Every structure is written in structure tokens, then in C-alpha cells.
Protein backbone atom coordinates (compact mmCIF):
# COMPACT_ATOMS: atom_id res chain seq x y z
CA MET A 1 53.47 -21.66 -27.10
CA ARG A 2 55.82 -20.08 -24.59
CA ILE A 3 58.48 -17.95 -26.30
CA ASN A 4 61.03 -16.57 -23.87
CA ASN A 5 63.32 -14.76 -26.26
CA VAL A 6 60.87 -12.63 -28.23
CA VAL A 7 60.33 -9.08 -27.02
CA LYS A 8 58.88 -7.19 -29.96
CA MET A 9 56.43 -8.72 -32.41
CA GLY A 10 55.31 -6.65 -35.36
CA VAL A 11 55.20 -6.62 -39.13
CA LEU A 12 58.99 -6.44 -39.36
CA GLY A 13 59.74 -9.51 -37.26
CA VAL A 14 61.27 -9.97 -33.82
CA THR A 15 64.00 -8.52 -31.63
CA LEU A 16 65.96 -10.62 -29.16
CA LEU A 17 66.57 -9.70 -25.53
CA SER A 18 70.03 -9.41 -24.05
CA SER A 19 70.90 -12.22 -21.65
CA THR A 20 71.29 -9.74 -18.76
CA PHE A 21 67.83 -8.33 -19.34
CA MET A 22 66.38 -11.82 -19.67
CA GLN A 23 67.74 -12.91 -16.32
CA ALA A 24 66.56 -9.77 -14.53
CA GLN A 25 63.14 -9.19 -16.09
CA GLN A 26 61.91 -12.33 -17.84
CA SER A 27 58.21 -13.08 -17.42
CA ASN A 28 55.87 -15.70 -18.82
CA ASP A 29 54.70 -13.28 -21.52
CA PRO A 30 57.01 -12.00 -24.28
CA ILE A 31 54.89 -8.88 -24.74
CA ILE A 32 55.37 -7.95 -21.09
CA ASP A 33 59.11 -8.55 -21.45
CA ALA A 34 59.03 -6.23 -24.44
CA ILE A 35 57.12 -3.55 -22.54
CA VAL A 36 59.65 -3.60 -19.71
CA LYS A 37 62.62 -3.51 -22.09
CA GLU A 38 61.21 -0.66 -24.19
CA GLY A 39 60.20 1.39 -21.16
CA THR A 40 63.57 0.85 -19.49
CA GLU A 41 65.98 1.23 -22.39
CA ASN A 42 64.26 3.75 -24.69
CA SER A 43 62.33 6.02 -22.30
CA GLN A 44 61.16 9.35 -23.77
CA LEU A 45 59.90 10.73 -20.45
CA LYS A 46 62.57 13.41 -20.01
CA ARG A 47 62.11 14.67 -23.55
CA TYR A 48 58.35 14.83 -23.12
CA ALA A 49 58.69 16.67 -19.79
CA PHE A 50 61.16 19.19 -21.21
CA GLU A 51 58.96 20.08 -24.17
CA LEU A 52 55.73 20.21 -22.18
CA LEU A 53 56.91 21.89 -18.98
CA ASP A 54 60.00 23.96 -19.79
CA VAL A 55 59.25 24.96 -23.39
CA ILE A 56 55.44 25.29 -23.38
CA GLY A 57 55.05 25.92 -19.66
CA PRO A 58 51.85 26.24 -17.60
CA ARG A 59 48.63 25.27 -19.32
CA LEU A 60 45.80 27.38 -17.93
CA VAL A 61 42.60 26.76 -19.88
CA GLY A 62 41.98 29.59 -22.34
CA THR A 63 45.62 30.63 -22.69
CA PRO A 64 47.79 30.42 -25.82
CA GLN A 65 50.03 27.96 -23.95
CA MET A 66 47.10 25.56 -23.51
CA MET A 67 46.46 25.59 -27.26
CA GLN A 68 50.18 25.10 -27.87
CA ALA A 69 50.09 22.07 -25.56
CA HIS A 70 47.11 20.55 -27.38
CA ASN A 71 48.88 20.88 -30.71
CA TRP A 72 52.18 19.53 -29.37
CA VAL A 73 50.49 16.45 -27.87
CA LYS A 74 48.54 15.84 -31.09
CA ASP A 75 51.68 16.16 -33.22
CA GLU A 76 53.64 13.81 -30.95
CA TYR A 77 50.99 11.13 -31.19
CA GLN A 78 50.72 11.50 -34.94
CA ALA A 79 54.50 11.15 -35.21
CA MET A 80 54.25 7.89 -33.25
CA GLY A 81 51.70 6.59 -35.76
CA PHE A 82 48.51 7.16 -33.76
CA GLU A 83 45.36 8.73 -35.09
CA ALA A 84 45.12 11.99 -33.14
CA ARG A 85 42.87 15.01 -33.11
CA ASN A 86 41.91 18.09 -31.11
CA GLU A 87 38.23 17.69 -30.28
CA ALA A 88 36.41 20.96 -29.49
CA TYR A 89 33.76 20.95 -26.77
CA GLY A 90 33.18 24.57 -25.70
CA THR A 91 34.64 28.03 -25.12
CA TRP A 92 36.43 29.75 -22.25
CA LYS A 93 37.71 33.19 -21.35
CA ALA A 94 41.00 33.76 -23.16
CA TRP A 95 43.89 35.34 -21.26
CA ASP A 96 47.63 35.63 -21.68
CA ARG A 97 49.83 35.98 -18.59
CA GLY A 98 52.54 38.61 -18.78
CA THR A 99 55.04 39.89 -16.22
CA THR A 100 54.37 40.69 -12.58
CA GLN A 101 56.58 43.17 -10.72
CA LEU A 102 55.81 43.89 -7.08
CA THR A 103 57.72 46.55 -5.17
CA MET A 104 57.36 48.01 -1.70
CA THR A 105 58.04 51.74 -2.13
CA TYR A 106 57.48 52.90 1.48
CA PRO A 107 58.80 52.92 4.20
CA ARG A 108 61.72 51.50 2.18
CA ILE A 109 62.37 50.06 -1.24
CA LYS A 110 62.08 46.29 -1.51
CA SER A 111 61.28 43.90 -4.34
CA LEU A 112 58.48 41.54 -3.30
CA GLU A 113 58.04 37.90 -4.30
CA GLY A 114 54.67 37.14 -5.82
CA THR A 115 52.55 36.93 -8.96
CA GLN A 116 49.20 37.92 -10.37
CA LEU A 117 46.46 35.31 -10.16
CA ALA A 118 45.07 33.63 -13.26
CA TRP A 119 42.80 35.90 -15.31
CA SER A 120 43.79 38.96 -13.26
CA PRO A 121 43.10 42.29 -14.98
CA SER A 122 46.18 44.11 -16.21
CA THR A 123 47.47 47.35 -14.70
CA LYS A 124 48.53 50.40 -16.69
CA LYS A 125 52.07 50.39 -18.07
CA ASN A 126 53.74 51.73 -14.92
CA GLY A 127 51.52 49.77 -12.55
CA VAL A 128 49.40 51.02 -9.70
CA GLU A 129 50.92 52.40 -6.48
CA ALA A 130 48.99 52.91 -3.27
CA GLU A 131 48.93 52.50 0.48
CA VAL A 132 48.33 48.99 1.80
CA ILE A 133 45.60 48.43 4.39
CA ILE A 134 44.26 45.33 6.14
CA LEU A 135 40.75 43.98 5.79
CA ALA A 136 38.79 45.45 8.69
CA ASP A 137 37.97 43.50 11.83
CA VAL A 138 34.40 44.57 12.54
CA ALA A 139 31.46 43.36 14.59
CA ASP A 140 28.94 42.84 11.80
CA LYS A 141 28.00 43.61 8.21
CA ALA A 142 26.68 47.06 9.05
CA ALA A 143 30.03 48.03 10.52
CA PHE A 144 31.80 46.55 7.49
CA GLU A 145 29.65 48.57 5.10
CA ALA A 146 30.49 51.68 7.11
CA TRP A 147 34.21 50.87 6.74
CA LEU A 148 34.09 50.08 3.03
CA PRO A 149 34.49 53.68 1.75
CA THR A 150 37.93 53.82 3.36
CA VAL A 151 39.30 51.33 0.82
CA LYS A 152 38.98 53.81 -2.04
CA GLY A 153 42.38 54.29 -3.64
CA LYS A 154 43.94 51.62 -1.39
CA ILE A 155 45.40 48.15 -1.87
CA VAL A 156 43.78 45.68 0.53
CA LEU A 157 45.34 42.67 2.27
CA ILE A 158 42.72 39.92 2.56
CA SER A 159 44.64 36.92 3.95
CA MET A 160 45.46 35.98 7.52
CA HIS A 161 48.88 36.94 8.85
CA GLN A 162 51.00 33.84 9.53
CA GLU A 163 52.85 34.28 12.82
CA THR A 164 55.42 31.68 11.80
CA GLY A 165 56.74 30.86 8.34
CA ARG A 166 58.23 27.60 9.49
CA PRO A 167 56.39 24.40 8.60
CA GLU A 168 54.91 22.43 11.45
CA TYR A 169 57.35 19.53 11.02
CA GLN A 170 60.25 21.84 11.94
CA TRP A 171 58.47 22.99 15.08
CA GLU A 172 57.73 19.40 16.00
CA GLU A 173 61.36 18.37 15.48
CA TYR A 174 63.17 21.27 17.14
CA ALA A 175 60.87 23.15 19.52
CA THR A 176 60.25 22.32 23.15
CA LYS A 177 57.00 20.53 23.79
CA GLU A 178 55.57 23.66 25.42
CA SER A 179 56.67 25.91 22.56
CA TYR A 180 55.27 23.56 19.93
CA GLU A 181 51.91 23.26 21.66
CA LYS A 182 51.72 27.03 22.09
CA MET A 183 52.40 27.56 18.38
CA ILE A 184 49.66 25.09 17.43
CA ALA A 185 47.19 26.77 19.80
CA ASN A 186 48.07 30.24 18.53
CA LYS A 187 47.69 29.18 14.90
CA LYS A 188 44.31 27.58 15.63
CA ALA A 189 43.12 30.72 17.41
CA ALA A 190 44.38 33.00 14.61
CA THR A 191 42.72 30.85 11.94
CA GLU A 192 39.41 30.89 13.78
CA ALA A 193 39.65 34.65 14.39
CA TRP A 194 40.32 35.34 10.71
CA ALA A 195 37.42 33.13 9.66
CA GLN A 196 35.21 35.12 12.04
CA ARG A 197 36.53 38.38 10.56
CA ILE A 198 35.46 37.21 7.10
CA LYS A 199 32.10 36.03 8.39
CA ASN A 200 31.42 39.31 10.20
CA SER A 201 31.89 41.21 6.93
CA GLY A 202 28.75 39.57 5.61
CA TYR A 203 30.58 38.20 2.57
CA THR A 204 32.47 35.05 1.69
CA ALA A 205 36.19 35.05 1.02
CA LYS A 206 35.38 34.49 -2.67
CA GLU A 207 33.01 37.47 -2.77
CA LEU A 208 35.27 39.96 -0.98
CA PRO A 209 37.61 40.90 -3.85
CA LYS A 210 34.71 42.05 -6.04
CA VAL A 211 33.08 43.88 -3.12
CA LEU A 212 36.33 45.73 -2.44
CA GLU A 213 36.74 46.47 -6.14
CA GLU A 214 33.27 48.01 -6.30
CA ALA A 215 34.11 50.13 -3.23
CA GLY A 216 37.09 51.68 -5.01
CA ALA A 217 40.10 49.57 -3.98
CA VAL A 218 42.88 49.66 -6.59
CA GLY A 219 44.38 46.24 -5.85
CA ILE A 220 43.86 43.03 -3.90
CA VAL A 221 46.73 41.20 -2.17
CA MET A 222 46.53 37.74 -0.70
CA SER A 223 48.93 35.05 0.48
CA HIS A 224 47.64 31.49 0.14
CA TRP A 225 50.49 29.74 1.96
CA SER A 226 50.55 25.96 1.65
CA GLY A 227 52.39 25.30 4.91
CA VAL A 228 55.68 24.47 3.18
CA VAL A 229 58.55 26.96 2.86
CA GLY A 230 58.24 28.92 -0.37
CA ALA A 231 55.07 27.25 -1.63
CA ASN A 232 51.89 29.26 -2.21
CA LYS A 233 48.70 28.07 -3.88
CA ILE A 234 47.96 30.08 -7.02
CA PHE A 235 44.38 30.07 -8.28
CA GLY A 236 42.22 32.55 -10.20
CA ALA A 237 41.21 36.18 -9.78
CA THR A 238 37.57 37.26 -9.55
CA THR A 239 38.15 41.00 -9.98
CA GLU A 240 37.30 42.55 -13.33
CA ARG A 241 39.18 45.90 -13.32
CA ILE A 242 41.85 45.82 -10.61
CA PRO A 243 44.77 43.40 -10.17
CA THR A 244 44.71 40.50 -7.74
CA VAL A 245 48.12 39.22 -6.67
CA ASP A 246 49.47 36.55 -4.35
CA ILE A 247 52.59 37.43 -2.33
CA ALA A 248 54.98 35.06 -0.58
CA LEU A 249 54.39 34.55 3.14
CA GLU A 250 57.53 36.44 4.17
CA ASP A 251 56.74 39.58 2.18
CA TYR A 252 53.04 39.42 2.98
CA GLY A 253 53.87 39.24 6.68
CA LEU A 254 56.13 42.28 6.34
CA LEU A 255 53.38 44.35 4.73
CA TYR A 256 50.82 43.15 7.26
CA ARG A 257 52.96 44.05 10.27
CA LEU A 258 53.83 47.48 8.86
CA ALA A 259 50.17 48.25 8.19
CA GLU A 260 49.05 46.86 11.54
CA ASN A 261 51.53 49.09 13.34
CA GLY A 262 50.55 52.30 11.55
CA LYS A 263 53.53 52.61 9.20
CA GLN A 264 51.28 53.03 6.13
CA PRO A 265 53.32 50.92 3.71
CA LYS A 266 52.97 51.50 -0.02
CA ILE A 267 53.50 49.06 -2.86
CA ASN A 268 53.53 49.22 -6.63
CA ILE A 269 51.76 46.42 -8.50
CA ASN A 270 52.78 46.17 -12.15
CA ALA A 271 50.85 43.22 -13.58
CA GLN A 272 50.83 42.94 -17.34
CA SER A 273 48.43 40.51 -19.00
CA LYS A 274 46.11 40.40 -21.99
CA ASP A 275 42.38 39.80 -22.05
CA LEU A 276 41.89 37.98 -25.35
CA GLY A 277 38.11 37.62 -25.21
CA THR A 278 37.04 34.01 -25.60
CA THR A 279 38.61 30.97 -27.20
CA GLN A 280 37.65 27.41 -28.03
CA THR A 281 38.39 24.59 -25.60
CA TYR A 282 39.56 21.13 -26.58
CA ASN A 283 40.42 17.60 -25.60
CA THR A 284 43.31 15.97 -27.45
CA ILE A 285 42.37 12.41 -28.35
CA ALA A 286 44.77 9.78 -29.70
CA GLU A 287 43.89 6.24 -30.77
CA LEU A 288 45.88 3.09 -31.42
CA LYS A 289 43.34 1.20 -33.47
CA GLY A 290 42.51 -2.30 -32.37
CA GLY A 291 41.94 -5.40 -34.44
CA GLU A 292 39.39 -8.05 -33.51
CA LYS A 293 37.46 -5.77 -31.12
CA ALA A 294 38.37 -2.37 -32.56
CA ASP A 295 35.02 -0.87 -31.53
CA GLU A 296 35.82 -1.51 -27.84
CA TYR A 297 38.21 0.71 -25.90
CA VAL A 298 40.80 0.83 -23.17
CA VAL A 299 41.22 4.45 -22.11
CA LEU A 300 44.42 6.02 -20.78
CA SER A 301 43.35 9.21 -19.03
CA ALA A 302 45.15 12.35 -17.81
CA HIS A 303 44.34 16.06 -17.83
CA LEU A 304 46.51 18.37 -19.89
CA ASP A 305 45.53 21.67 -18.28
CA SER A 306 47.05 23.12 -15.12
CA TRP A 307 47.00 26.14 -12.89
CA ASP A 308 49.80 28.51 -13.76
CA GLY A 309 51.68 29.42 -10.59
CA GLY A 310 54.34 26.89 -11.64
CA THR A 311 54.43 24.80 -14.79
CA GLY A 312 51.98 22.10 -13.74
CA ALA A 313 54.68 19.44 -13.44
CA THR A 314 53.06 17.05 -10.97
CA ASP A 315 49.54 18.31 -11.63
CA ASN A 316 49.35 17.01 -14.18
CA GLY A 317 52.38 17.01 -16.43
CA THR A 318 53.53 13.70 -14.96
CA GLY A 319 50.15 12.14 -15.73
CA ILE A 320 50.34 13.29 -19.34
CA ILE A 321 53.90 12.10 -19.96
CA THR A 322 53.16 8.79 -18.21
CA MET A 323 50.26 8.08 -20.57
CA MET A 324 52.26 9.26 -23.58
CA GLU A 325 55.09 6.90 -22.66
CA ALA A 326 52.75 3.98 -21.95
CA ALA A 327 51.07 4.55 -25.31
CA ARG A 328 54.41 4.85 -27.10
CA ILE A 329 55.59 1.57 -25.58
CA LEU A 330 52.39 -0.21 -26.62
CA LYS A 331 52.70 1.11 -30.17
CA GLU A 332 56.23 -0.33 -30.33
CA VAL A 333 55.47 -3.77 -28.93
CA LEU A 334 51.76 -4.26 -29.70
CA PRO A 335 51.02 -2.42 -32.95
CA ILE A 336 47.54 -3.98 -33.28
CA PRO A 337 45.95 -4.65 -29.88
CA LYS A 338 42.68 -6.56 -29.73
CA ARG A 339 40.83 -3.45 -28.51
CA THR A 340 41.51 0.16 -29.44
CA ILE A 341 43.74 2.02 -26.99
CA LEU A 342 42.36 5.56 -26.62
CA ILE A 343 44.34 8.26 -24.84
CA GLY A 344 42.31 11.16 -23.44
CA ASN A 345 44.35 14.32 -22.79
CA TRP A 346 41.58 16.32 -21.16
CA GLY A 347 41.11 20.08 -21.02
CA SER A 348 39.76 22.15 -18.12
CA GLU A 349 39.89 19.46 -15.44
CA GLU A 350 40.80 22.14 -12.91
CA GLN A 351 37.51 23.96 -13.50
CA GLY A 352 35.35 20.89 -12.87
CA LEU A 353 36.37 17.87 -15.00
CA ASN A 354 34.97 19.73 -17.99
CA GLY A 355 37.01 18.05 -20.71
CA SER A 356 36.35 14.46 -19.67
CA ARG A 357 32.71 15.18 -18.89
CA ALA A 358 32.30 16.67 -22.36
CA PHE A 359 33.96 13.63 -23.94
CA VAL A 360 31.62 11.29 -22.07
CA ALA A 361 28.60 13.36 -23.09
CA ASP A 362 29.66 13.74 -26.74
CA ASN A 363 30.88 10.18 -27.40
CA PRO A 364 28.29 7.78 -25.95
CA GLU A 365 29.17 5.08 -28.48
CA ILE A 366 32.76 5.01 -27.20
CA VAL A 367 31.82 5.19 -23.53
CA GLU A 368 29.30 2.37 -23.86
CA LYS A 369 32.02 0.04 -25.17
CA THR A 370 34.85 1.12 -22.89
CA GLN A 371 36.53 -1.81 -21.18
CA THR A 372 38.22 0.23 -18.48
CA VAL A 373 39.84 3.60 -17.77
CA PHE A 374 43.24 4.09 -16.14
CA ASN A 375 43.63 7.65 -14.88
CA GLN A 376 46.62 9.39 -13.33
CA ASP A 377 46.47 12.80 -11.72
CA ASN A 378 48.20 13.10 -8.38
CA GLY A 379 51.89 13.54 -8.66
CA THR A 380 55.21 12.03 -9.52
CA GLY A 381 55.30 9.08 -7.11
CA ARG A 382 55.04 5.37 -7.83
CA VAL A 383 51.49 4.08 -8.12
CA ALA A 384 50.74 2.78 -4.64
CA TYR A 385 46.95 2.66 -4.19
CA LEU A 386 44.25 1.16 -6.39
CA SER A 387 40.61 1.05 -5.37
CA GLY A 388 37.95 -1.09 -7.03
CA GLN A 389 35.68 2.01 -7.16
CA GLY A 390 32.66 0.04 -5.97
CA PHE A 391 32.58 -2.41 -8.88
CA LEU A 392 31.69 -5.75 -7.33
CA ASN A 393 33.95 -7.89 -9.50
CA SER A 394 36.83 -5.46 -9.86
CA TYR A 395 38.89 -7.75 -7.65
CA GLN A 396 38.76 -10.49 -10.26
CA PHE A 397 39.80 -8.60 -13.38
CA LEU A 398 42.21 -6.13 -11.77
CA THR A 399 44.06 -8.79 -9.80
CA ASP A 400 44.20 -11.02 -12.88
CA TRP A 401 45.85 -8.20 -14.82
CA LEU A 402 48.13 -7.27 -11.92
CA HIS A 403 49.22 -10.88 -11.58
CA ALA A 404 51.04 -10.50 -14.91
CA VAL A 405 52.98 -7.42 -13.74
CA PRO A 406 56.57 -8.10 -12.62
CA GLN A 407 56.98 -7.64 -8.88
CA LYS A 408 59.29 -4.64 -9.29
CA TYR A 409 56.43 -2.54 -10.67
CA LYS A 410 53.80 -3.46 -8.11
CA GLN A 411 55.77 -4.02 -4.90
CA ASP A 412 54.42 -0.82 -3.30
CA LEU A 413 50.88 -1.25 -4.62
CA LYS A 414 48.03 -1.67 -2.14
CA THR A 415 44.61 -2.60 -3.49
CA TYR A 416 41.21 -1.95 -1.94
CA PHE A 417 38.26 -4.06 -3.07
CA PRO A 418 35.54 -3.47 -3.82
CA GLY A 419 36.15 0.10 -2.62
CA SER A 420 33.69 2.95 -3.09
CA PRO A 421 33.02 5.09 -6.15
CA SER A 422 34.76 8.46 -6.21
CA GLY A 423 32.36 11.39 -6.26
CA GLY A 424 34.88 13.88 -7.64
CA GLY A 425 38.51 14.81 -7.74
CA SER A 426 39.69 13.62 -11.13
CA ASP A 427 38.65 12.52 -14.58
CA HIS A 428 38.00 8.83 -13.88
CA VAL A 429 34.84 10.02 -12.10
CA SER A 430 33.36 11.14 -15.43
CA PHE A 431 33.41 7.46 -16.47
CA VAL A 432 32.60 5.86 -13.10
CA SER A 433 29.43 7.96 -12.92
CA LYS A 434 28.44 6.37 -16.24
CA ASN A 435 28.97 2.88 -14.80
CA ILE A 436 32.32 2.40 -16.59
CA PRO A 437 35.13 0.84 -14.53
CA GLY A 438 37.49 3.77 -14.16
CA PHE A 439 40.45 3.63 -11.81
CA MET A 440 42.65 6.27 -10.26
CA MET A 441 46.29 5.22 -10.30
CA SER A 442 47.03 6.89 -6.97
CA SER A 443 50.66 7.72 -6.26
CA LEU A 444 53.01 8.03 -3.33
CA SER A 445 52.82 11.60 -2.07
CA TRP A 446 56.32 13.09 -2.34
CA GLY A 447 54.79 16.05 -0.47
CA TYR A 448 52.23 16.57 -3.24
CA GLY A 449 49.40 18.12 -1.23
CA LYS A 450 51.37 21.00 0.28
CA TYR A 451 54.51 21.26 -1.84
CA THR A 452 53.41 21.05 -5.48
CA TRP A 453 49.63 20.71 -5.81
CA HIS A 454 48.48 24.00 -7.38
CA THR A 455 51.56 25.85 -6.09
CA ASN A 456 54.25 28.10 -7.51
CA ARG A 457 56.73 25.28 -6.89
CA ASP A 458 55.12 22.72 -9.21
CA THR A 459 58.00 22.67 -11.68
CA ALA A 460 59.97 20.10 -13.67
CA ASP A 461 62.69 19.67 -11.03
CA LYS A 462 60.11 17.99 -8.76
CA ILE A 463 59.71 15.01 -11.09
CA VAL A 464 61.08 11.69 -9.85
CA TYR A 465 61.76 9.99 -13.17
CA ASP A 466 62.42 6.51 -11.80
CA ASP A 467 58.93 6.51 -10.30
CA VAL A 468 57.29 7.90 -13.44
CA GLN A 469 59.09 5.29 -15.57
CA SER A 470 57.79 2.56 -13.27
CA ASN A 471 54.26 3.93 -13.65
CA ALA A 472 54.45 4.04 -17.43
CA ILE A 473 55.53 0.39 -17.55
CA LEU A 474 52.85 -0.66 -15.04
CA ILE A 475 50.08 1.14 -16.93
CA ALA A 476 51.27 -0.16 -20.30
CA ILE A 477 51.06 -3.73 -18.95
CA LEU A 478 47.60 -3.19 -17.46
CA ALA A 479 46.36 -1.60 -20.68
CA TYR A 480 47.77 -4.51 -22.68
CA LYS A 481 46.05 -7.08 -20.46
CA ALA A 482 42.76 -5.16 -20.49
CA SER A 483 42.89 -4.82 -24.25
CA GLN A 484 43.39 -8.55 -24.77
CA GLU A 485 40.67 -9.72 -22.34
CA GLU A 486 38.12 -11.97 -24.05
CA GLU A 487 35.01 -10.09 -22.86
CA LEU A 488 34.08 -6.69 -21.51
CA VAL A 489 34.56 -6.77 -17.76
CA SER A 490 31.66 -6.76 -15.34
CA ARG A 491 29.89 -3.48 -14.53
CA GLU A 492 28.06 -4.94 -11.54
CA ARG A 493 28.13 -2.52 -8.61
CA ILE A 494 28.10 -3.06 -4.88
CA VAL A 495 25.15 -2.06 -2.72
CA LEU A 496 26.39 1.14 -1.14
CA PRO A 497 26.19 1.48 2.65
CA LEU A 498 23.82 3.65 4.64
CA THR A 499 24.66 7.21 5.63
CA LYS A 500 24.68 8.25 9.28
CA ASP A 501 21.06 9.38 8.72
CA GLY A 502 20.04 5.92 7.55
CA GLU A 503 19.72 6.83 3.88
CA ARG A 504 21.23 4.56 1.23
CA GLN A 505 24.24 6.16 -0.40
CA LYS A 506 23.84 6.80 -4.12
CA TRP A 507 26.17 6.14 -7.01
CA PRO A 508 27.84 9.38 -8.20
CA GLU A 509 25.64 11.41 -10.50
CA SER A 510 26.80 11.88 -14.06
CA LYS A 511 27.22 15.63 -14.53
CA GLY A 512 27.51 17.62 -17.70
CA PRO A 513 30.51 19.87 -18.38
CA LYS A 514 30.73 23.62 -18.17
CA ARG A 515 31.02 24.48 -21.83
CA THR A 516 31.61 28.19 -21.26
CA SER A 517 33.32 30.20 -18.52
CA ASN A 518 30.02 32.00 -17.89
CA GLU A 519 28.25 28.90 -16.57
């Protein structure tokens, strides 16, 4: 029976929609009407974001903040009425970020903008002060080995100097055609020359910090500029005794030019952090138990960990709060779904999908009976792309579920069927590689790749809440439809095409997790 005025059906009865809401949002399904109303009128997204991003902060695996985040997510789900737990799967190096103070002390005094990399060793209380030199430009490894003793007692710059700190879009908009083309050519030449400098050393860029450390350097300085003003990528240190820091393009360029021109600049690096040994790693799992098919699952997937240059707002705080909000909405309007709704808040995605891979390996009985996985992990924008991931019949069940979604929440959505299976990149792959239909809810960019992805600018102010609210409503509707489907959806896969060498492409291999930081 069609019931147009019921929006919330539970043990306590029904709630009626306002006439304004009915006219604007009414669908053919009272549960969908209820999802839209709850997600629109009672959104908790800003509260979730504040607690996760501003209060707890960045969530680097192995840090106290990551454990705090696990406990906060678990407690929130329990308060909503979900069964929730922290599920251990391994150990990781434990580290606590402290303060970073960077100062140029010669030829003049200047505070520098930058930070220590994740897991960087701490300096002594007053920091380390030394002359800054540039990684040598030599002909071959023998010449590099001959140069290496000169780094003793020095701080070494190991990144390319950027001739311009303006993003390319400004050059394209304002420069003359000749000037723009010259800039592009110069940047290409400089990039190739720096790559050759690294190659001639006989080491990779990843190996160089430890090589320089062993040769007696007292600090490593890099600048991993993203191409956007103010945004640097912040990853992890590989040194074991000396600090590794990333400095903003402008200050890095200053040091580079001074050193290149024989001015022998000096800086003080004061990087305080704590090596805490090892700690346990977790996934936080929450479940809204189903009824008729409680042993089958619809999985809402997002990774809880982040890099720690910013606060991990769009990678992947927005994914976490989207799934929390979708789950909260479903608990309000669909207290007993046909299938169990499981929310996976994964740990250590940034180090190789470790949390979701561990869950898949440790819970085969859940994975075997998983209906589908909806994963979000690429920013704050509205969901705009959905691939069938190589499942032959994904068109049928996904479009059936999408058909029920009000136009407002799918108007930007482009679908690609049957698509191809992802080989990496995010946690849905852990399921796809096990032949489980897992789908990446890919978002509009909002400058994600260069502005916020893994950068020092990935902070709460970059969230576009209207888009995130739209995503939470969309995913709640899809999860509802998937949970109520009569049967498990088809796992039949397409025949993958040939490679350029004539070999048949293979389905992604299911890989085990790294359960320790030593693997």
C-alpha cells in the first residue's frame, strides 16, 4: 500500500511530514521520504566534523590521536544504538607529534614555515643548528660517494628548487603566450635535471635521507609542493636519528638560493616528538543488526586514519562523517533493516589498505555474505562518478537502486557500466578483489588532488557541507535499497580485455595486510 504521509516507522509509531516538505521531496517510498527529511532537518555532520577534526585532529596510524578517534567513533555509534567495537588486527610504530620550530639564523633571522614529517626523530631540547647545503649535482655514484663526507654536520636540501611559486593556472590566465610557454619549458627542464641529479647519486629519492644520515648530516629538509599556493604534501620520515622536515616553497626557495650563491645560510630545527615504541592497530566496526537476513551485510566503508600535515578533513574525515550520518539516518528511519548494515571505519589505509584488508582476511563469514560495499574516500564534493567495477550485472542492481533516489541527489551522477575493477587506491578494492561488489562513491574534485589530498591545508574549513549532506542522503538511500533486496546481487564478472602485449588482464589479486610497521 502506498503511504505518502509516513516518514518514520518504528516501534513508537509514525511521524507526519510537513506539507512544504511533502511538496518538495515526496517520493513513492515513505522510507526514502524519511531519509531525506532526517538528513535535511536533523543533520549531525558539523558536530561530527568538529569533534573529529578540530578536537581530535590528525589521525596518523600509531599515534594517540588515532586511538582517540577509534574510541570516539565507537562511543558515537554505541550512543546511537549500534553494536560497536574496536577490532585489533596488528601493531604499528607508535609516535606522538610535538611542536616544530624552524628558524633561519644566518644571514638574517627569519621564522620559517614548515613541519616535521610523520615519525621524524626528535631533536634535543634547543634543536639542531647548522649550515644548509644542497644535494650535490654529480656525474655518477662514485662522484657522489666522494662528496658524501662533506655533509657531516650539515643540513641538506633534497628537493628541487621551484623557480615560480605561482600555480600554472595563474600563468595561463595572466602571462603572455611566450612567457607561459617559457615557464612550462623551464619547469620541465628543471624537473628532468633534478631527476637526473637523483639518479646520478646512485640512490632513489626514498633512500637518500638515510644515506645522508649515515654520512653524518644532522637534518634533512625537503619541500614537496603540490602546485597550489601554500599547499605541501606531508608524508613520513625515513631517518632514524636526525629530523626530517618539510618547508613551504617560499622559504625553501630562499634557503636554496642563498646556499646556491655561496651565502652559507644556517637554520635551527627544533622538532619535538615522542617515540612511543609500538602500539596496537584497530578497525572500528559498527553494526545495525538486520532482521530476516541478519547474516547478510551491506557495508558502509571509509578509512579513519589520515596523514598529519593537516587534520585529514577531506582525506578522509568527510568519508567518515558521511557514513556516520548515513548510518544515523538509517537507524532513525529503518531500525530493523532486512540485512545488517555494517560500517567499517578502517585503520591504516594510507599505508596500504591495511585495515580493510585485515577485516576481509579475518572475517570471511561476513565477506562471503556481503551484498555490496559503498566506499567514500576522495573529498568533500558531491558524488559524481560510479563505476560498475567490472561486475557484469552491476548495471541492473545499481540502476534499480538509483532509480529510487530523488533527482536532487543524483543529478550530477555519471555511471560507467560495467567498468573495470580497481586495482588499488581505496578500501573498496579489498572487497572487489574477493569478488564482492564494492563501489567507490567518487566525488567532484573541489581541487582535491593538489589542494587538500595529503597536504597541510586539508582542514575542516575545506568541507562543503551541502555536498556532504547530499552524499549522506544518497548513500543512506542506496544502503536501504541494497539491504531490502530479495537476493544477494550477482557476482558475475566481465571478461577483461587484452593488454597491449596480448595478455588477458587479470582480476585484482587479493592481498593480505601489513600487520606490523616492519613488514
